[in-house]
Protein backbone atom coordinates (compact mmCIF):
# COMPACT_ATOMS: atom_id res chain seq x y z
CA MET A 1 124.68 104.25 94.04
CA ASN A 2 126.24 106.30 97.02
CA SER A 3 124.05 106.88 99.92
CA PRO A 4 123.43 110.50 101.14
CA LEU A 5 125.86 110.10 104.00
CA ASP A 6 128.54 108.88 101.60
CA ILE A 7 128.21 112.51 99.99
CA TRP A 8 128.98 113.95 103.38
CA ALA A 9 131.90 111.75 104.09
CA GLY A 10 134.05 114.83 104.08
CA LEU A 11 131.89 116.54 106.94
CA ASP A 12 132.80 116.24 110.52
CA LEU A 13 130.11 113.76 111.95
CA GLU A 14 132.22 111.97 114.29
CA ASN A 15 130.37 111.11 117.59
CA ARG A 16 127.36 113.39 116.35
CA CYS A 17 123.91 112.54 116.89
CA LEU A 18 122.34 112.32 113.44
CA LEU A 19 118.52 113.24 113.39
CA ALA A 20 116.58 112.43 110.10
CA LEU A 21 113.52 114.49 109.06
CA PRO A 22 111.42 114.70 106.01
CA LYS A 23 113.00 116.76 103.48
CA LYS A 24 109.76 117.93 102.00
CA GLY A 25 106.17 117.43 102.17
CA ARG A 26 103.39 117.98 105.09
CA LEU A 27 105.32 116.52 107.71
CA ASN A 28 108.23 118.90 107.07
CA LEU A 29 106.08 121.82 107.05
CA THR A 30 104.63 120.75 110.47
CA LEU A 31 108.06 119.99 112.11
CA MET A 32 110.03 122.93 111.09
CA PRO A 33 108.25 125.49 113.33
CA LEU A 34 108.15 123.22 115.93
CA LEU A 35 111.88 122.70 116.12
CA GLU A 36 112.33 126.32 116.28
CA LYS A 37 109.81 126.41 119.33
CA ILE A 38 111.66 123.54 121.25
CA GLY A 39 114.94 125.59 120.84
CA LEU A 40 116.75 123.39 118.17
CA HIS A 41 118.22 125.99 115.80
CA TYR A 42 120.58 125.03 112.95
CA VAL A 43 122.51 126.39 110.06
CA ARG A 44 121.75 124.77 106.90
CA LYS A 45 124.20 125.49 103.93
CA ASN A 46 122.58 125.96 100.51
CA ARG A 47 122.05 122.90 98.42
CA LEU A 48 123.09 120.59 101.30
CA ASP A 49 120.82 118.30 103.05
CA ILE A 50 122.55 118.36 106.49
CA ALA A 51 122.53 120.97 108.99
CA HIS A 52 124.35 121.43 112.20
CA VAL A 53 122.44 122.35 115.25
CA VAL A 54 123.98 125.79 116.76
CA GLY A 55 124.03 126.70 120.42
CA ASP A 56 126.97 125.50 122.62
CA ASN A 57 124.67 125.37 126.03
CA SER A 58 121.95 123.43 124.16
CA VAL A 59 121.19 119.66 124.87
CA PHE A 60 120.97 119.45 121.21
CA SER A 61 124.52 121.05 120.55
CA ASN A 62 125.79 117.61 119.22
CA VAL A 63 123.05 117.03 116.79
CA SER A 64 123.12 117.21 113.08
CA LEU A 65 119.96 117.14 111.27
CA VAL A 66 119.68 115.15 107.83
CA PHE A 67 116.99 115.60 105.62
CA LEU A 68 115.86 112.72 103.71
CA PRO A 69 112.84 111.52 101.80
CA ALA A 70 110.21 110.55 104.32
CA HIS A 71 109.82 106.94 103.04
CA ASP A 72 113.77 106.45 103.49
CA ILE A 73 114.08 107.62 107.09
CA ALA A 74 113.11 104.28 108.78
CA THR A 75 115.67 102.32 106.70
CA PHE A 76 118.44 104.57 107.78
CA VAL A 77 117.46 104.42 111.19
CA GLY A 78 116.94 100.81 111.13
CA SER A 79 120.45 100.30 109.47
CA GLY A 80 122.20 102.27 112.14
CA ARG A 81 123.18 105.16 109.73
CA ILE A 82 121.05 107.43 111.22
CA ASP A 83 120.34 107.69 115.22
CA ILE A 84 117.01 109.23 115.52
CA GLY A 85 114.26 109.86 112.85
CA ILE A 86 110.69 111.45 112.50
CA THR A 87 108.48 110.20 109.75
CA GLY A 88 105.22 108.66 109.32
CA LEU A 89 104.24 105.14 110.65
CA ASP A 90 102.93 104.02 107.36
CA VAL A 91 106.33 104.48 105.47
CA THR A 92 108.05 102.97 108.42
CA LYS A 93 106.06 99.88 108.16
CA GLU A 94 106.07 100.05 104.09
CA ALA A 95 110.05 99.91 104.39
CA GLY A 96 109.59 96.83 106.31
CA GLU A 97 111.67 98.26 109.25
CA PHE A 98 109.30 98.40 112.19
CA ASP A 99 111.14 95.70 113.99
CA ASN A 100 114.51 97.23 113.31
CA ILE A 101 113.55 100.49 115.11
CA GLU A 102 112.28 101.67 118.46
CA VAL A 103 109.23 104.19 118.79
CA VAL A 104 109.82 106.58 121.17
CA SER A 105 106.80 108.68 120.63
CA LYS A 106 103.56 108.93 118.76
CA LEU A 107 103.56 112.54 118.12
CA GLY A 108 99.97 113.10 117.22
CA PHE A 109 100.20 115.17 114.02
CA GLY A 110 100.38 113.90 110.44
CA LYS A 111 97.14 111.37 111.07
CA CYS A 112 95.94 109.49 108.20
CA ARG A 113 95.06 105.83 107.46
CA LEU A 114 96.02 103.59 104.53
CA SER A 115 92.87 102.14 103.37
CA ALA A 116 91.94 100.00 100.40
CA CYS A 117 89.21 101.93 98.43
CA ALA A 118 87.17 100.45 95.89
CA PRO A 119 84.21 101.80 93.41
CA SER A 120 81.05 102.60 95.32
CA ASP A 121 79.24 99.52 94.30
CA ASN A 122 82.11 97.10 95.55
CA VAL A 123 81.90 96.91 99.19
CA SER A 124 83.54 93.52 99.89
CA VAL A 125 87.39 93.73 100.69
CA GLU A 126 87.48 90.05 100.41
CA SER A 127 86.20 90.36 96.65
CA LEU A 128 89.23 92.07 95.93
CA VAL A 129 91.51 89.30 96.32
CA GLY A 130 93.18 88.14 93.05
CA LYS A 131 92.15 91.53 91.48
CA ARG A 132 94.64 94.47 90.28
CA ILE A 133 95.37 96.95 93.13
CA ALA A 134 97.25 100.11 92.29
CA THR A 135 99.26 101.70 95.49
CA SER A 136 102.38 103.52 96.52
CA PHE A 137 102.66 100.94 99.17
CA PRO A 138 103.08 97.76 97.71
CA HIS A 139 104.58 95.80 100.51
CA LEU A 140 101.70 96.56 102.81
CA THR A 141 99.26 95.98 100.17
CA THR A 142 100.73 92.61 99.09
CA GLN A 143 100.79 91.47 102.94
CA PHE A 144 97.24 92.72 103.51
CA PHE A 145 95.44 90.99 100.71
CA ASP A 146 97.49 87.68 101.06
CA SER A 147 96.34 87.70 104.67
CA LEU A 148 92.76 87.68 103.66
CA ASP A 149 92.81 84.57 101.87
CA PRO A 150 96.50 82.61 102.44
CA SER A 151 95.07 79.88 99.94
CA ARG A 152 95.37 82.52 97.44
CA ALA A 153 98.61 84.55 98.39
CA GLY A 154 100.09 85.91 95.71
CA SER A 155 97.15 86.03 93.15
CA THR A 156 96.50 89.82 93.78
CA LYS A 157 98.18 92.08 91.22
CA VAL A 158 99.61 94.88 92.78
CA PHE A 159 100.90 98.07 90.73
CA ASN A 160 103.13 100.25 92.30
CA ILE A 161 102.20 103.87 91.40
CA SER A 162 104.20 106.99 92.77
CA GLY A 163 101.20 109.62 92.62
CA SER A 164 97.64 110.17 91.49
CA VAL A 165 96.65 106.57 92.80
CA GLU A 166 93.18 107.71 93.12
CA VAL A 167 92.56 108.02 89.08
CA SER A 168 93.72 104.29 88.43
CA CYS A 169 90.27 102.88 88.62
CA SER A 170 88.59 105.44 86.60
CA LEU A 171 91.31 105.03 83.76
CA GLY A 172 90.97 101.24 83.94
CA LEU A 173 94.47 100.46 85.40
CA ALA A 174 93.01 98.82 88.67
CA ASP A 175 90.00 97.48 89.99
CA ALA A 176 90.70 99.03 93.47
CA ILE A 177 93.43 101.20 95.08
CA VAL A 178 95.45 101.38 98.41
CA ASP A 179 96.04 104.81 99.46
CA LEU A 180 96.38 107.32 102.37
CA VAL A 181 93.27 108.86 103.38
CA GLU A 182 92.50 111.93 105.52
CA THR A 183 88.97 113.31 105.05
CA GLY A 184 87.93 111.14 102.12
CA ASN A 185 86.97 114.01 99.76
CA THR A 186 89.40 113.15 97.07
CA LEU A 187 88.10 109.57 97.03
CA ARG A 188 84.54 110.59 96.82
CA ALA A 189 85.27 112.90 94.09
CA VAL A 190 86.53 109.99 91.89
CA GLY A 191 83.66 107.56 92.80
CA LEU A 192 85.57 105.52 95.55
CA LYS A 193 84.83 104.38 98.89
CA GLU A 194 87.05 102.97 101.83
CA VAL A 195 86.33 99.32 102.41
CA ALA A 196 89.11 98.43 104.83
CA THR A 197 91.47 100.34 106.79
CA ILE A 198 95.23 98.65 106.66
CA VAL A 199 97.04 100.99 108.83
CA GLU A 200 96.29 103.96 111.20
CA SER A 201 99.27 106.43 110.82
CA GLU A 202 100.69 109.45 112.42
CA ALA A 203 104.29 110.88 112.92
CA ILE A 204 106.30 108.89 115.01
CA LEU A 205 109.76 109.62 116.58
CA MET A 206 111.93 106.73 116.54
CA THR A 207 115.61 105.54 117.43
CA ASN A 208 118.07 102.91 116.55
CA PRO A 209 118.04 100.34 119.06
CA HIS A 210 121.70 100.75 119.66
CA THR A 211 122.14 104.31 119.55
CA LYS A 212 124.04 105.95 122.38
CA HIS A 213 122.14 109.05 121.94
CA LYS A 214 118.80 107.75 123.29
CA ASN A 215 118.96 110.68 125.98
CA ILE A 216 118.66 113.13 123.24
CA ALA A 217 115.68 111.26 121.72
CA GLN A 218 113.68 111.32 125.19
CA VAL A 219 114.25 115.08 125.48
CA LEU A 220 113.33 115.83 121.77
CA ALA A 221 110.24 113.84 122.44
CA LYS A 222 109.20 115.37 125.83
CA ARG A 223 109.72 118.87 124.21
CA LEU A 224 107.81 118.24 121.15
CA GLU A 225 104.95 116.70 123.12
CA GLY A 226 105.06 119.94 125.20
CA ILE A 227 104.52 122.13 122.05
CA ILE A 228 101.97 119.84 120.44
CA THR A 229 99.93 119.67 123.65
CA ALA A 230 99.91 123.20 123.92
CA GLN A 231 98.30 123.64 120.40
CA SER A 232 95.41 121.63 121.62
CA TYR A 233 94.61 123.35 124.91
CA VAL A 234 94.01 126.69 126.38
CA MET A 235 94.08 128.15 129.83
CA ILE A 236 90.46 129.15 131.06
CA GLU A 237 90.45 131.43 134.34
CA TYR A 238 87.16 132.48 135.74
CA ASP A 239 85.47 133.60 139.21
CA VAL A 240 82.38 131.77 140.51
CA LYS A 241 80.34 131.56 143.58
CA ARG A 242 81.06 128.78 145.91
CA THR A 243 77.43 127.39 145.72
CA LEU A 244 78.10 127.00 141.88
CA LEU A 245 81.42 125.60 141.95
CA GLU A 246 80.50 122.15 141.43
CA LYS A 247 78.50 122.88 138.40
CA ALA A 248 81.61 124.97 137.06
CA ILE A 249 83.92 122.29 137.50
CA ALA A 250 81.74 119.70 135.66
CA ILE A 251 81.98 122.06 132.77
CA THR A 252 85.88 122.57 132.89
CA PRO A 253 87.25 119.49 134.87
CA GLY A 254 90.78 120.13 133.35
CA LYS A 255 93.51 117.57 132.57
CA VAL A 256 93.75 116.57 136.31
CA SER A 257 91.84 118.92 138.17
CA PRO A 258 91.03 122.65 138.31
CA THR A 259 93.12 125.13 140.56
CA VAL A 260 90.68 126.86 143.03
CA CYS A 261 91.66 129.75 144.82
CA PRO A 262 89.72 131.74 147.42
CA LEU A 263 89.02 135.28 146.88
CA GLU A 264 88.73 138.19 149.23
CA ASP A 265 85.05 137.62 149.32
CA PRO A 266 84.36 134.30 150.98
CA GLU A 267 81.37 133.67 148.82
CA TRP A 268 83.60 133.51 145.65
CA VAL A 269 86.60 131.52 144.42
CA SER A 270 88.97 131.85 141.46
CA VAL A 271 89.44 128.73 139.11
CA LYS A 272 92.25 128.14 136.68
CA VAL A 273 92.06 125.23 134.45
CA LEU A 274 93.36 123.83 131.10
CA HIS A 275 90.71 122.92 128.63
CA GLU A 276 90.60 121.38 125.05
CA LYS A 277 90.51 124.09 122.43
CA ARG A 278 88.25 122.41 120.26
CA SER A 279 85.49 122.90 123.03
CA GLU A 280 86.50 126.28 124.26
CA ASN A 281 83.57 128.39 122.87
CA ASP A 282 81.19 125.92 124.27
CA ALA A 283 82.72 125.67 127.63
CA LEU A 284 82.64 129.69 127.86
CA ASP A 285 78.69 129.78 127.06
CA GLN A 286 78.21 126.95 129.73
CA LEU A 287 80.37 128.76 132.45
CA GLU A 288 78.66 132.18 131.72
CA ALA A 289 75.01 130.32 131.88
CA VAL A 290 75.97 129.04 135.13
CA GLY A 291 77.06 132.35 136.75
CA ALA A 292 80.77 132.25 136.08
CA VAL A 293 82.27 135.94 135.78
CA ALA A 294 85.54 137.43 134.75
CA ILE A 295 86.04 134.71 132.43
CA VAL A 296 89.46 134.94 130.83
CA VAL A 297 90.91 132.56 128.07
CA SER A 298 94.72 132.44 127.24
CA ALA A 299 96.79 130.65 124.77
CA LEU A 300 99.64 128.48 125.79
CA ASN A 301 103.11 127.99 124.48
CA ASN A 302 104.09 124.83 126.15
CA VAL A 303 102.10 122.30 128.43
CA ARG A 304 104.30 119.59 130.24
CA ALA A 305 102.39 116.55 131.50
């Protein structure tokens, strides 16, 4: 069977940096708006899973995007057919390519865990060795259960299921499953519970170790990190009396340290500080309680460390 790159043999890809992205799914939905924000603009022709970046003055002007199934990206990067890829750590390890790629950055989104899950009355993962396990991660599953009891390696029967893995126990196909878990709500709905975590996963940016485009990967990582960090923080500005400054800074210490500027009234100072968005409202309540005034919160577009 021809690879996707063979289909594009007629395209001019000579010396271009090939960046592989998931062609669909949650990672794709998260990535596409991020690429726009970091200045990576492209033109994608209808029904073609490749797109050239546009813009002569961009650091990405020599980049072509290749849209692939998420679980195939690490294989293409590891083989050297693709220079840079973004996909999940879970599918990278399942592909057996982790030693053939270099992780440039863990991107902090797409977080989940690959877990062994069993009916609620079965709490010992060791007791599942030799049983029937359904999963869409057969390589990692076999490796995990063989490691639990090397003397019984190969005794666990692993079924490779492409979807709806969580119903395998209730339908009698398996005694337990290995599947991706985010909140655990789906598991609880079908009477399963996590008994062991196999891989903690998130989106990663990787390169082939021998690519000549590592500089592009570094720029891509920094820009993505800047946008992603900005989504987790807000800028808080407020005025506070000098006598209350220590209490205010204890509430909003910032990433490194707050910026404190004197005001016309020598008894007062102005404070500007980065603060985690998840605790924004608690911080505002506490600042107001200690006597801060003129409190303003601003959204952020980009934050570089």
